Structures are given as C-alpha cells and as structure tokens.
Protein backbone atom coordinates (compact mmCIF):
# COMPACT_ATOMS: atom_id res chain seq x y z
CA MET A 1 -5.16 -6.32 0.49
CA VAL A 2 -2.82 -3.66 2.19
CA PHE A 3 -1.96 -3.28 5.29
CA LEU A 4 -1.64 0.21 6.51
CA ASN A 5 1.29 1.74 8.65
CA PRO A 6 -0.59 3.79 11.04
CA ASP A 7 1.81 6.51 11.57
CA GLU A 8 1.20 7.45 7.56
CA ILE A 9 -2.04 8.53 6.21
CA SER A 10 -2.85 6.52 3.18
CA PHE A 11 -5.19 4.10 1.32
CA PRO A 12 -4.74 2.03 -2.20
CA ASP A 13 -6.85 3.76 -4.14
CA PRO A 14 -9.87 2.05 -4.72
CA GLU A 15 -10.38 2.48 -8.46
CA PHE A 16 -7.58 0.58 -9.49
CA THR A 17 -7.46 -1.93 -6.58
CA GLN A 18 -9.50 -4.97 -6.99
CA SER A 19 -11.02 -7.09 -4.47
CA GLU A 20 -13.45 -9.82 -4.42
CA ASN A 21 -15.33 -8.98 -1.19
CA GLY A 22 -14.52 -5.45 -1.33
CA LEU A 23 -11.92 -5.19 1.39
CA LEU A 24 -9.01 -3.31 0.96
CA ALA A 25 -6.89 -2.42 4.17
CA VAL A 26 -6.12 -3.33 7.29
CA GLY A 27 -5.08 -1.41 10.13
CA GLY A 28 -4.21 2.18 10.82
CA ASP A 29 -5.93 4.16 13.34
CA LEU A 30 -9.68 6.17 13.43
CA SER A 31 -8.18 9.60 13.84
CA PRO A 32 -10.14 12.11 12.44
CA GLU A 33 -7.86 12.19 9.71
CA ARG A 34 -8.01 9.07 8.45
CA ILE A 35 -11.82 8.65 8.82
CA LEU A 36 -12.15 12.10 6.74
CA PHE A 37 -9.37 10.69 4.04
CA ALA A 38 -11.20 7.39 3.74
CA TYR A 39 -14.24 8.66 3.12
CA GLN A 40 -13.05 11.38 0.46
CA LEU A 41 -11.68 7.92 -1.63
CA GLY A 42 -14.78 5.93 -1.23
CA LEU A 43 -13.58 3.85 1.60
CA PHE A 44 -15.38 3.39 4.90
CA PRO A 45 -14.60 1.60 8.32
CA TRP A 46 -16.19 -1.95 9.37
CA PHE A 47 -15.19 -4.54 11.55
CA ASN A 48 -16.25 -6.89 14.44
CA PRO A 49 -15.42 -5.36 18.14
CA GLY A 50 -11.64 -6.81 18.96
CA GLU A 51 -10.74 -7.44 15.13
CA GLU A 52 -7.92 -5.03 14.01
CA ILE A 53 -9.89 -2.38 11.57
CA LEU A 54 -11.08 -3.51 8.12
CA TRP A 55 -11.57 -0.62 5.22
CA TRP A 56 -14.37 -1.15 2.67
CA CYS A 57 -14.99 0.10 -1.04
CA PRO A 58 -16.93 -2.95 -2.53
CA ASP A 59 -17.46 -3.45 -6.15
CA SER A 60 -21.19 -2.74 -5.65
CA ARG A 61 -22.19 0.17 -4.50
CA PHE A 62 -25.65 0.51 -2.51
CA VAL A 63 -26.79 4.14 -3.16
CA LEU A 64 -30.29 6.24 -3.40
CA PHE A 65 -30.76 8.51 -6.00
CA PRO A 66 -33.44 11.04 -4.48
CA LYS A 67 -35.51 10.77 -7.52
CA ASP A 68 -35.68 7.22 -6.65
CA LEU A 69 -37.36 7.78 -3.67
CA LYS A 70 -40.31 5.64 -2.52
CA ILE A 71 -42.76 6.94 -0.43
CA SER A 72 -45.38 4.16 0.76
CA LYS A 73 -48.74 5.09 1.31
CA SER A 74 -48.92 4.45 4.68
CA MET A 75 -45.48 6.45 4.95
CA LYS A 76 -47.28 9.88 3.56
CA LYS A 77 -50.00 9.18 6.38
CA ILE A 78 -47.32 9.42 9.37
CA PHE A 79 -46.02 12.70 7.40
CA ARG A 80 -50.10 14.06 7.02
CA ASP A 81 -50.35 12.82 10.78
CA ASP A 82 -47.30 14.59 12.29
CA VAL A 83 -46.42 11.78 14.10
CA PHE A 84 -42.87 12.69 14.59
CA SER A 85 -40.68 15.90 14.50
CA PHE A 86 -37.10 16.24 13.10
CA THR A 87 -33.88 18.34 13.64
CA GLU A 88 -30.81 18.27 12.31
CA ASN A 89 -27.03 18.40 14.00
CA THR A 90 -28.80 18.84 17.67
CA CYS A 91 -27.15 15.69 19.11
CA PHE A 92 -24.70 14.60 17.14
CA ARG A 93 -23.21 12.16 20.14
CA ARG A 94 -26.23 10.92 21.43
CA VAL A 95 -27.25 9.86 17.66
CA MET A 96 -24.09 8.11 17.38
CA GLU A 97 -24.63 6.59 20.96
CA GLU A 98 -28.04 5.30 20.34
CA CYS A 99 -26.62 3.93 17.30
CA GLN A 100 -23.67 1.73 19.22
CA ASN A 101 -26.51 0.65 21.50
CA THR A 102 -28.64 -0.80 18.76
CA TYR A 103 -29.11 -4.53 18.49
CA ARG A 104 -28.85 -5.74 15.14
CA LYS A 105 -29.82 -9.22 14.20
CA ASP A 106 -26.27 -11.11 13.25
CA GLN A 107 -23.81 -8.49 14.77
CA ASP A 108 -22.57 -9.68 17.49
CA GLY A 109 -21.29 -6.19 19.15
CA THR A 110 -20.61 -2.67 17.56
CA TRP A 111 -17.82 -1.49 15.07
CA ILE A 112 -18.86 1.95 16.70
CA SER A 113 -16.39 2.25 19.49
CA GLU A 114 -15.98 5.16 21.45
CA GLU A 115 -12.71 5.79 19.41
CA LEU A 116 -15.03 6.13 16.61
CA ILE A 117 -17.64 8.53 18.16
CA ASN A 118 -14.81 10.97 19.55
CA SER A 119 -13.30 10.90 15.81
CA PHE A 120 -17.00 12.01 14.28
CA VAL A 121 -17.60 14.30 16.99
CA ILE A 122 -14.76 16.02 15.61
CA LEU A 123 -15.47 15.76 12.54
CA HIS A 124 -18.51 17.31 13.23
CA GLN A 125 -17.28 19.90 15.23
CA HIS A 126 -15.63 21.06 12.15
CA GLY A 127 -19.32 21.26 9.64
CA LEU A 128 -18.79 17.66 8.40
CA ALA A 129 -20.61 15.41 9.60
CA LYS A 130 -23.63 15.75 10.67
CA SER A 131 -26.88 13.85 12.35
CA PHE A 132 -30.54 13.72 11.71
CA GLU A 133 -32.64 13.06 15.06
CA VAL A 134 -36.36 11.87 14.53
CA TRP A 135 -38.70 12.97 17.67
CA GLN A 136 -42.15 11.60 19.16
CA GLY A 137 -42.76 14.26 21.59
CA GLU A 138 -39.54 14.82 23.76
CA GLU A 139 -38.35 11.48 23.02
CA LEU A 140 -35.75 10.56 20.81
CA VAL A 141 -36.43 7.70 18.75
CA GLY A 142 -34.31 7.82 15.94
CA GLY A 143 -32.28 9.24 13.49
CA PHE A 144 -29.00 8.67 11.42
CA TYR A 145 -25.30 9.97 11.06
CA GLY A 146 -22.59 10.35 8.14
CA LEU A 147 -20.23 12.54 6.12
CA GLN A 148 -21.30 14.93 3.46
CA PHE A 149 -19.26 15.82 0.18
CA GLY A 150 -21.25 18.64 -1.76
CA LYS A 151 -24.08 16.81 -2.79
CA VAL A 152 -23.29 13.21 -1.80
CA PHE A 153 -24.20 12.18 1.64
CA CYS A 154 -22.30 9.14 3.27
CA GLY A 155 -24.34 7.38 5.57
CA GLU A 156 -23.12 5.16 8.31
CA SER A 157 -25.72 4.18 10.98
CA MET A 158 -29.22 4.38 12.04
CA PHE A 159 -31.63 3.43 14.81
CA ALA A 160 -34.92 3.63 15.40
CA LYS A 161 -36.78 3.16 19.08
CA VAL A 162 -40.21 3.16 17.79
CA SER A 163 -41.41 1.67 14.42
CA ASN A 164 -41.11 3.56 11.02
CA ALA A 165 -38.68 6.42 13.08
CA SER A 166 -35.35 5.62 10.96
CA LYS A 167 -37.41 5.18 8.12
CA ALA A 168 -39.48 8.42 8.54
CA GLY A 169 -36.25 10.54 9.23
CA PHE A 170 -34.58 9.19 6.07
CA ILE A 171 -37.61 10.25 3.64
CA GLN A 172 -37.69 14.03 5.67
CA PHE A 173 -33.61 14.64 5.30
CA ILE A 174 -34.00 13.22 1.72
CA LEU A 175 -36.84 15.53 0.62
CA LYS A 176 -35.35 18.42 3.05
CA GLU A 177 -31.44 18.28 1.50
CA ASP A 178 -30.00 18.88 -2.29
CA LEU A 179 -28.37 15.70 -2.65
CA GLU A 180 -27.69 14.11 -5.94
CA LEU A 181 -27.12 10.48 -3.77
CA ILE A 182 -27.08 8.71 -0.59
CA ASP A 183 -24.48 6.78 -0.03
CA CYS A 184 -26.13 3.72 1.71
CA GLN A 185 -22.78 1.52 1.26
CA ILE A 186 -23.94 -2.00 1.53
CA TYR A 187 -27.78 -3.67 0.76
CA SER A 188 -30.67 -3.74 3.33
CA GLU A 189 -34.00 -4.48 2.69
CA HIS A 190 -34.94 -1.87 4.63
CA LEU A 191 -33.42 0.89 2.44
CA GLU A 192 -34.32 -0.98 -0.80
CA SER A 193 -38.13 -0.69 -0.10
CA LEU A 194 -37.08 3.07 -0.21
CA GLY A 195 -35.03 3.20 -3.50
CA ALA A 196 -32.13 1.99 -3.04
CA THR A 197 -29.98 -0.01 -6.11
CA MET A 198 -26.83 -1.05 -6.56
CA ILE A 199 -24.21 0.82 -8.79
CA SER A 200 -20.94 -0.18 -10.09
CA LYS A 201 -17.98 1.26 -7.63
CA ILE A 202 -16.59 3.38 -10.44
CA GLU A 203 -19.43 5.12 -11.13
CA TYR A 204 -20.08 6.36 -7.10
CA LEU A 205 -16.60 6.88 -7.20
CA LYS A 206 -17.15 9.46 -10.60
CA ILE A 207 -20.11 10.73 -8.63
CA LEU A 208 -18.08 11.27 -4.84
CA LYS A 209 -15.02 12.84 -6.60
CA SER A 210 -17.40 15.21 -9.02
CA ASN A 211 -18.59 16.27 -5.59
CA HIS A 212 -15.02 16.51 -3.35
CA GLU A 213 -13.56 18.84 -5.97
CA SER A 214 -16.24 20.94 -6.41
C-alpha cells in the first residue's frame, strides 16, 4: 500500500500492484484532477467520514455487460405503465446530494463529502461526469452519477426514494446508452439481480484502457 503525496498526482499502477483486499493507496486529496486520474487507472475513493482517503482497485471487479441485462416481468410492467420518467444531466449536484444523504445499511455516515461533490461538479461541467435522474411527476425519486470513458461508465453511487426507482433508472440508462461495460465497483445483491457479475481486475483494466485510449 502506498501513502500518497498531496502535492503530486500519482498512484501505483494497479495492473502490477497486488493487494489482498484491493486497497492500493492512502491519502492525497479529492481534487478533480486526482479523481479523474484515479478513475482512468481503475481506482476509486471509498472511506469512512473522518478517515484518510482510501483508494481501491479490487482484484475482482463487479461489472455489468449490457448484453447480460436482466429485466424482470414486474420491471417490464413498470415501464409499460410509465410509472417513471427519466432525464440526464439536469441536476447533477442534487443527485450527488441525494446520494450523500441516503441511509445505507451497515454504513456509518458517507464518503460523499462536500469536497467530493465540488470536484465531481467540476468534472461534470467539463463533460466527464454525468447524472441520470428518475422522476415521478415533478418529484425526483431516484438517480445515480459517475464518470464515463468511451463506452465504459464508472458508476459511483445511486439513491432511491420510492421502490424500484433506482432500478428503473439503471435499466433505462443501459437501454439508452451505447455502452460496453458498466463498472459497479463492488458486489451488491441489487445489481446482481440485474445481471452484474464479477470479472478479474486485469480484464476490467484492459477494457477501461482500450476505451480511455480510443
């Protein structure tokens, strides 16, 4: 594990760095430049409030290939009934703030700090980060945000205020976008039900690199 110099934007190369639990580096900062560089390399920040910043690249990556997307009968009915409407990039900061304030089981607080929000907003203003919103009438009931490199979307966090909102948004996003892969980072039962699966770190980094360079 590497301790980062806050005055130098660098990371260990995850392709050649082994880690038992996927933790590769500690420290640094949450500047837009460092966040962008980290994601380009396949790393992401994830830490508890008050801790130092932790940067991860798990040896097994949880991802979803669009061709493997599973849509249940109940979700198909939700789309037929037009239960939700969807937008993209209409309220990026608000989506991040909703993710920040969402209660998550077995998690004390959130890693989505004001500093992280401000940096992602800058990346959004440069067209590098995007949000996807789910509405029920005039009310924002779900959404998620992340970074996109070519046809790889690196999902960062999502929220839902009503049942099936985030799931419907995720499905609509995948059907709408021309993507090769969605990076879900770490396992969740919710995303597994939609078709997400584990692949090796090396396979993920290879796909990410080919999209970043294209």
